[in-house]
C-alpha atoms as a PDB file:
ATOM      1  CA  MET A   1     -34.218  -4.014  24.299  1.00  0.00           C
ATOM      2  CA  ASN A   2     -32.490  -2.675  27.443  1.00  0.00           C
ATOM      3  CA  VAL A   3     -28.606  -2.630  27.023  1.00  0.00           C
ATOM      4  CA  ILE A   4     -26.005  -1.796  29.691  1.00  0.00           C
ATOM      5  CA  ILE A   5     -22.661  -0.571  28.195  1.00  0.00           C
ATOM      6  CA  LEU A   6     -19.805  -0.750  30.585  1.00  0.00           C
ATOM      7  CA  HIS A   7     -17.409   2.011  29.690  1.00  0.00           C
ATOM      8  CA  ASP A   8     -14.049   3.286  30.632  1.00  0.00           C
ATOM      9  CA  LEU A   9     -13.087   7.041  29.775  1.00  0.00           C
ATOM     10  CA  LEU A  10      -9.141   5.759  29.805  1.00  0.00           C
ATOM     11  CA  SER A  11     -10.050   3.000  27.279  1.00  0.00           C
ATOM     12  CA  ALA A  12      -9.466   4.122  23.662  1.00  0.00           C
ATOM     13  CA  ALA A  13     -11.708   1.196  22.411  1.00  0.00           C
ATOM     14  CA  SER A  14     -14.490   2.211  24.704  1.00  0.00           C
ATOM     15  CA  ARG A  15     -14.242   5.860  23.753  1.00  0.00           C
ATOM     16  CA  ASP A  16     -14.260   4.838  20.055  1.00  0.00           C
ATOM     17  CA  PHE A  17     -17.229   2.635  20.582  1.00  0.00           C
ATOM     18  CA  LEU A  18     -19.326   5.556  22.148  1.00  0.00           C
ATOM     19  CA  ALA A  19     -18.185   7.849  19.254  1.00  0.00           C
ATOM     20  CA  ALA A  20     -19.373   5.206  16.780  1.00  0.00           C
ATOM     21  CA  LEU A  21     -22.695   5.180  18.347  1.00  0.00           C
ATOM     22  CA  GLY A  22     -22.886   8.970  18.263  1.00  0.00           C
ATOM     23  CA  ILE A  23     -22.833   9.495  21.845  1.00  0.00           C
ATOM     24  CA  THR A  24     -20.486  12.066  23.554  1.00  0.00           C
ATOM     25  CA  ILE A  25     -18.531  11.096  26.545  1.00  0.00           C
ATOM     26  CA  PRO A  26     -21.162  10.923  29.286  1.00  0.00           C
ATOM     27  CA  GLU A  27     -20.765  13.519  31.996  1.00  0.00           C
ATOM     28  CA  GLY A  28     -21.822  11.255  34.748  1.00  0.00           C
ATOM     29  CA  ASP A  29     -20.848   7.511  36.036  1.00  0.00           C
ATOM     30  CA  ASP A  30     -24.297   6.202  35.213  1.00  0.00           C
ATOM     31  CA  VAL A  31     -26.412   7.820  32.375  1.00  0.00           C
ATOM     32  CA  THR A  32     -29.254   6.590  30.291  1.00  0.00           C
ATOM     33  CA  VAL A  33     -29.456   7.449  26.448  1.00  0.00           C
ATOM     34  CA  THR A  34     -31.595   6.421  23.688  1.00  0.00           C
ATOM     35  CA  ILE A  35     -30.211   5.013  20.739  1.00  0.00           C
ATOM     36  CA  GLY A  36     -33.008   4.334  17.942  1.00  0.00           C
ATOM     37  CA  PRO A  37     -35.721   2.494  19.846  1.00  0.00           C
ATOM     38  CA  ASP A  38     -33.384   1.220  22.555  1.00  0.00           C
ATOM     39  CA  THR A  39     -32.802   2.470  26.004  1.00  0.00           C
ATOM     40  CA  VAL A  40     -29.142   2.211  26.819  1.00  0.00           C
ATOM     41  CA  ARG A  41     -27.508   2.806  30.176  1.00  0.00           C
ATOM     42  CA  ILE A  42     -24.007   3.666  30.092  1.00  0.00           C
ATOM     43  CA  VAL A  43     -22.037   2.957  33.379  1.00  0.00           C
ATOM     44  CA  SER A  44     -18.554   4.551  33.538  1.00  0.00           C
ATOM     45  CA  ASP A  45     -17.622   3.938  37.386  1.00  0.00           C
ATOM     46  CA  HIS A  46     -15.258   0.659  37.539  1.00  0.00           C
ATOM     47  CA  ALA A  47     -16.639  -0.087  40.897  1.00  0.00           C
ATOM     48  CA  ALA A  48     -20.292  -0.011  39.476  1.00  0.00           C
ATOM     49  CA  CYS A  49     -19.211  -2.007  36.386  1.00  0.00           C
ATOM     50  CA  VAL A  50     -17.832  -4.649  38.650  1.00  0.00           C
ATOM     51  CA  ALA A  51     -21.003  -4.913  40.671  1.00  0.00           C
ATOM     52  CA  LEU A  52     -22.909  -5.244  37.391  1.00  0.00           C
ATOM     53  CA  CYS A  53     -20.535  -7.965  35.896  1.00  0.00           C
ATOM     54  CA  PRO A  54     -17.938  -9.060  38.302  1.00  0.00           C
ATOM     55  CA  ALA A  55     -15.867 -11.038  35.693  1.00  0.00           C
ATOM     56  CA  PHE A  56     -16.057  -8.827  32.670  1.00  0.00           C
ATOM     57  CA  PRO A  57     -13.046  -9.025  30.408  1.00  0.00           C
ATOM     58  CA  GLY A  58     -12.564  -5.197  29.415  1.00  0.00           C
ATOM     59  CA  TYR A  59     -13.952  -2.154  28.214  1.00  0.00           C
ATOM     60  CA  PRO A  60     -16.267  -1.654  26.245  1.00  0.00           C
ATOM     61  CA  LEU A  61     -18.772  -4.368  27.235  1.00  0.00           C
ATOM     62  CA  ALA A  62     -22.291  -4.745  26.176  1.00  0.00           C
ATOM     63  CA  LEU A  63     -24.744  -6.328  28.740  1.00  0.00           C
ATOM     64  CA  VAL A  64     -28.466  -7.597  27.758  1.00  0.00           C
ATOM     65  CA  GLU A  65     -30.466  -9.309  29.956  1.00  0.00           C
ATOM     66  CA  LEU A  66     -32.905 -11.740  28.095  1.00  0.00           C
ATOM     67  CA  ASP A  67     -35.306 -14.095  30.111  1.00  0.00           C
ATOM     68  CA  GLY A  68     -33.524 -13.303  33.272  1.00  0.00           C
ATOM     69  CA  VAL A  69     -30.107 -14.406  31.848  1.00  0.00           C
ATOM     70  CA  GLN A  70     -27.401 -11.795  31.441  1.00  0.00           C
ATOM     71  CA  HIS A  71     -25.493 -12.172  28.297  1.00  0.00           C
ATOM     72  CA  GLN A  72     -22.111 -10.211  27.492  1.00  0.00           C
ATOM     73  CA  LEU A  73     -20.727  -8.983  24.147  1.00  0.00           C
ATOM     74  CA  ALA A  74     -16.997  -8.019  24.913  1.00  0.00           C
ATOM     75  CA  PHE A  75     -15.469  -5.248  22.974  1.00  0.00           C
ATOM     76  CA  PRO A  76     -18.122  -4.268  20.274  1.00  0.00           C
ATOM     77  CA  THR A  77     -17.318  -1.834  17.754  1.00  0.00           C
ATOM     78  CA  SER A  78     -20.771  -0.968  16.590  1.00  0.00           C
ATOM     79  CA  TRP A  79     -24.299  -0.599  17.454  1.00  0.00           C
ATOM     80  CA  ASP A  80     -25.331  -2.902  14.613  1.00  0.00           C
ATOM     81  CA  GLU A  81     -22.891  -5.439  15.910  1.00  0.00           C
ATOM     82  CA  VAL A  82     -24.607  -5.331  19.602  1.00  0.00           C
ATOM     83  CA  THR A  83     -28.094  -5.474  18.113  1.00  0.00           C
ATOM     84  CA  ALA A  84     -27.445  -8.425  15.919  1.00  0.00           C
ATOM     85  CA  TRP A  85     -25.689 -10.269  18.662  1.00  0.00           C
ATOM     86  CA  ALA A  86     -28.676  -9.581  20.930  1.00  0.00           C
ATOM     87  CA  ALA A  87     -30.993 -11.024  18.627  1.00  0.00           C
ATOM     88  CA  ALA A  88     -29.114 -14.024  18.269  1.00  0.00           C
ATOM     89  CA  SER A  89     -28.371 -14.719  21.896  1.00  0.00           C
ATOM     90  CA  PRO A  90     -30.039 -17.671  23.508  1.00  0.00           C
ATOM     91  CA  THR A  91     -33.128 -17.287  25.551  1.00  0.00           C
ATOM     92  CA  ASN A  92     -34.396 -19.551  28.634  1.00  0.00           C
ATOM     93  CA  GLY A  93     -36.216 -21.605  25.900  1.00  0.00           C
ATOM     94  CA  SER A  94     -33.055 -22.841  24.404  1.00  0.00           C
ATOM     95  CA  GLN A  95     -31.136 -22.564  27.479  1.00  0.00           C
ATOM     96  CA  THR A  96     -32.507 -25.337  29.149  1.00  0.00           C
ATOM     97  CA  ALA A  97     -30.814 -27.759  26.733  1.00  0.00           C
ATOM     98  CA  SER A  98     -27.272 -26.553  27.808  1.00  0.00           C
ATOM     99  CA  ARG A  99     -26.485 -23.133  29.184  1.00  0.00           C
ATOM    100  CA  TYR A 100     -27.401 -21.588  32.540  1.00  0.00           C
ATOM    101  CA  SER A 101     -26.670 -18.369  34.430  1.00  0.00           C
ATOM    102  CA  PRO A 102     -24.874 -18.821  37.675  1.00  0.00           C
ATOM    103  CA  ALA A 103     -28.186 -18.018  39.591  1.00  0.00           C
ATOM    104  CA  ASP A 104     -30.174 -20.684  37.275  1.00  0.00           C
ATOM    105  CA  PHE A 105     -27.480 -23.259  37.905  1.00  0.00           C
ATOM    106  CA  MET A 106     -27.861 -22.914  41.658  1.00  0.00           C
ATOM    107  CA  ARG A 107     -31.448 -23.329  41.226  1.00  0.00           C
ATOM    108  CA  LEU A 108     -30.796 -26.755  39.763  1.00  0.00           C
ATOM    109  CA  LEU A 109     -29.513 -27.949  43.208  1.00  0.00           C
ATOM    110  CA  THR A 110     -31.648 -28.720  46.194  1.00  0.00           C
ATOM    111  CA  GLN A 111     -31.454 -26.441  49.170  1.00  0.00           C
ATOM    112  CA  ASP A 112     -29.319 -29.018  51.066  1.00  0.00           C
ATOM    113  CA  GLU A 113     -26.814 -29.518  47.954  1.00  0.00           C
ATOM    114  CA  LEU A 114     -26.616 -25.578  47.559  1.00  0.00           C
ATOM    115  CA  ASP A 115     -25.778 -25.099  51.095  1.00  0.00           C
ATOM    116  CA  ALA A 116     -23.169 -27.934  51.219  1.00  0.00           C
ATOM    117  CA  VAL A 117     -21.633 -26.699  48.158  1.00  0.00           C
ATOM    118  CA  LEU A 118     -21.484 -23.019  49.117  1.00  0.00           C
ATOM    119  CA  LEU A 119     -19.998 -24.018  52.461  1.00  0.00           C
ATOM    120  CA  ALA A 120     -17.458 -26.290  50.672  1.00  0.00           C
ATOM    121  CA  GLU A 121     -16.131 -23.430  48.822  1.00  0.00           C
ATOM    122  CA  GLY A 122     -14.555 -22.204  51.844  1.00  0.00           C
ATOM    123  CA  THR A 123     -12.681 -25.453  52.498  1.00  0.00           C
ATOM    124  CA  ASP A 124     -12.557 -27.705  49.291  1.00  0.00           C
ATOM    125  CA  THR A 125      -9.999 -26.437  46.500  1.00  0.00           C
ATOM    126  CA  ASP A 126     -11.910 -28.273  43.805  1.00  0.00           C
ATOM    127  CA  VAL A 127     -15.119 -26.445  44.682  1.00  0.00           C
ATOM    128  CA  ARG A 128     -13.732 -23.404  45.095  1.00  0.00           C
ATOM    129  CA  ARG A 129     -12.080 -23.598  41.627  1.00  0.00           C
ATOM    130  CA  MET A 130     -15.441 -24.644  40.194  1.00  0.00           C
ATOM    131  CA  TRP A 131     -17.128 -21.553  41.463  1.00  0.00           C
ATOM    132  CA  ALA A 132     -14.226 -19.343  40.429  1.00  0.00           C
ATOM    133  CA  PHE A 133     -14.562 -20.551  36.829  1.00  0.00           C
ATOM    134  CA  ILE A 134     -18.503 -20.064  36.763  1.00  0.00           C
ATOM    135  CA  ARG A 135     -17.916 -16.529  38.261  1.00  0.00           C
ATOM    136  CA  ALA A 136     -15.150 -15.990  35.323  1.00  0.00           C
ATOM    137  CA  VAL A 137     -17.080 -17.083  32.396  1.00  0.00           C
ATOM    138  CA  GLY A 138     -20.551 -15.879  33.665  1.00  0.00           C
ATOM    139  CA  TYR A 139     -22.466 -19.038  32.851  1.00  0.00           C
ATOM    140  CA  VAL A 140     -22.564 -22.773  33.188  1.00  0.00           C
ATOM    141  CA  ASP A 141     -22.626 -24.955  30.041  1.00  0.00           C
ATOM    142  CA  MET A 142     -23.891 -28.266  30.642  1.00  0.00           C
ATOM    143  CA  ALA A 143     -22.439 -29.560  27.232  1.00  0.00           C
ATOM    144  CA  ASP A 144     -18.814 -28.308  28.556  1.00  0.00           C
ATOM    145  CA  PRO A 145     -16.481 -31.108  29.509  1.00  0.00           C
ATOM    146  CA  LEU A 146     -15.301 -29.061  32.345  1.00  0.00           C
ATOM    147  CA  THR A 147     -19.076 -28.708  33.860  1.00  0.00           C
ATOM    148  CA  GLN A 148     -19.513 -32.350  33.380  1.00  0.00           C
ATOM    149  CA  ASN A 149     -16.178 -33.226  35.247  1.00  0.00           C
ATOM    150  CA  SER A 150     -17.134 -30.610  37.858  1.00  0.00           C
ATOM    151  CA  LEU A 151     -20.620 -32.247  38.542  1.00  0.00           C
ATOM    152  CA  LEU A 152     -18.754 -35.700  38.584  1.00  0.00           C
ATOM    153  CA  MET A 153     -16.555 -34.260  41.452  1.00  0.00           C
ATOM    154  CA  LEU A 154     -19.430 -32.941  43.438  1.00  0.00           C
ATOM    155  CA  CYS A 155     -21.060 -36.479  43.181  1.00  0.00           C
ATOM    156  CA  GLN A 156     -17.855 -38.259  44.061  1.00  0.00           C
ATOM    157  CA  LYS A 157     -17.271 -35.963  47.001  1.00  0.00           C
ATOM    158  CA  GLY A 158     -20.893 -36.414  48.007  1.00  0.00           C
ATOM    159  CA  TYR A 159     -22.269 -33.010  47.683  1.00  0.00           C
ATOM    160  CA  ILE A 160     -24.693 -34.417  45.158  1.00  0.00           C
ATOM    161  CA  VAL A 161     -25.722 -37.573  46.598  1.00  0.00           C
ATOM    162  CA  THR A 162     -27.300 -39.884  43.939  1.00  0.00           C
ATOM    163  CA  ASP A 163     -26.729 -40.516  40.419  1.00  0.00           C
ATOM    164  CA  GLU A 164     -30.416 -39.797  39.812  1.00  0.00           C
ATOM    165  CA  ARG A 165     -29.775 -36.161  41.275  1.00  0.00           C
ATOM    166  CA  LEU A 166     -26.943 -35.815  38.953  1.00  0.00           C
ATOM    167  CA  GLN A 167     -29.206 -36.714  36.113  1.00  0.00           C
ATOM    168  CA  GLN A 168     -31.794 -34.251  37.229  1.00  0.00           C
ATOM    169  CA  ILE A 169     -29.164 -31.469  37.279  1.00  0.00           C
ATOM    170  CA  GLN A 170     -27.785 -32.514  33.792  1.00  0.00           C
ATOM    171  CA  ASN A 171     -31.449 -32.381  32.212  1.00  0.00           C
ATOM    172  CA  GLY A 172     -32.153 -28.957  33.901  1.00  0.00           C
ATOM    173  CA  VAL A 173     -34.777 -29.985  36.537  1.00  0.00           C
ATOM    174  CA  PHE A 174     -35.128 -26.963  38.640  1.00  0.00           C
ATOM    175  CA  GLN A 175     -35.252 -27.609  42.249  1.00  0.00           C
ATOM    176  CA  LEU A 176     -35.534 -23.963  43.803  1.00  0.00           C
END
């Protein structure tokens, strides 16, 4: 399991988490350590942390990529908590039912739909709000009423042109 820990030296919770792992405060802004059988990357530079996970809630944060989908665990306190959480995180197999990374959500759209929705982000407040929310939470949950309302809004505004396309998106049929 490859884990990335976003760490901030100024955060007491982050320092305590690393201490609980038996790790001394890293000398560099991006170091790799081994915890048991796992390779763990610790990133301490705030700009690098934001680049890895633009909408993370705070320090410390554990990131695990499973089947191409990035999963976040905010404010872990022990390595056991991280490994148990990673083992229980959904994978792409279960993801097709409901939950998508932002990139996979974009793959549900046709090229024309994606281009129109991305262009509309600059001019349409509803579309801008939808993308801002997706970025903030880091995933799209098709079972969430907010997602359903956003898809209906895209359909009503003509970004998704048919009910059939809307159904394909809701069913997780990748186009890209």
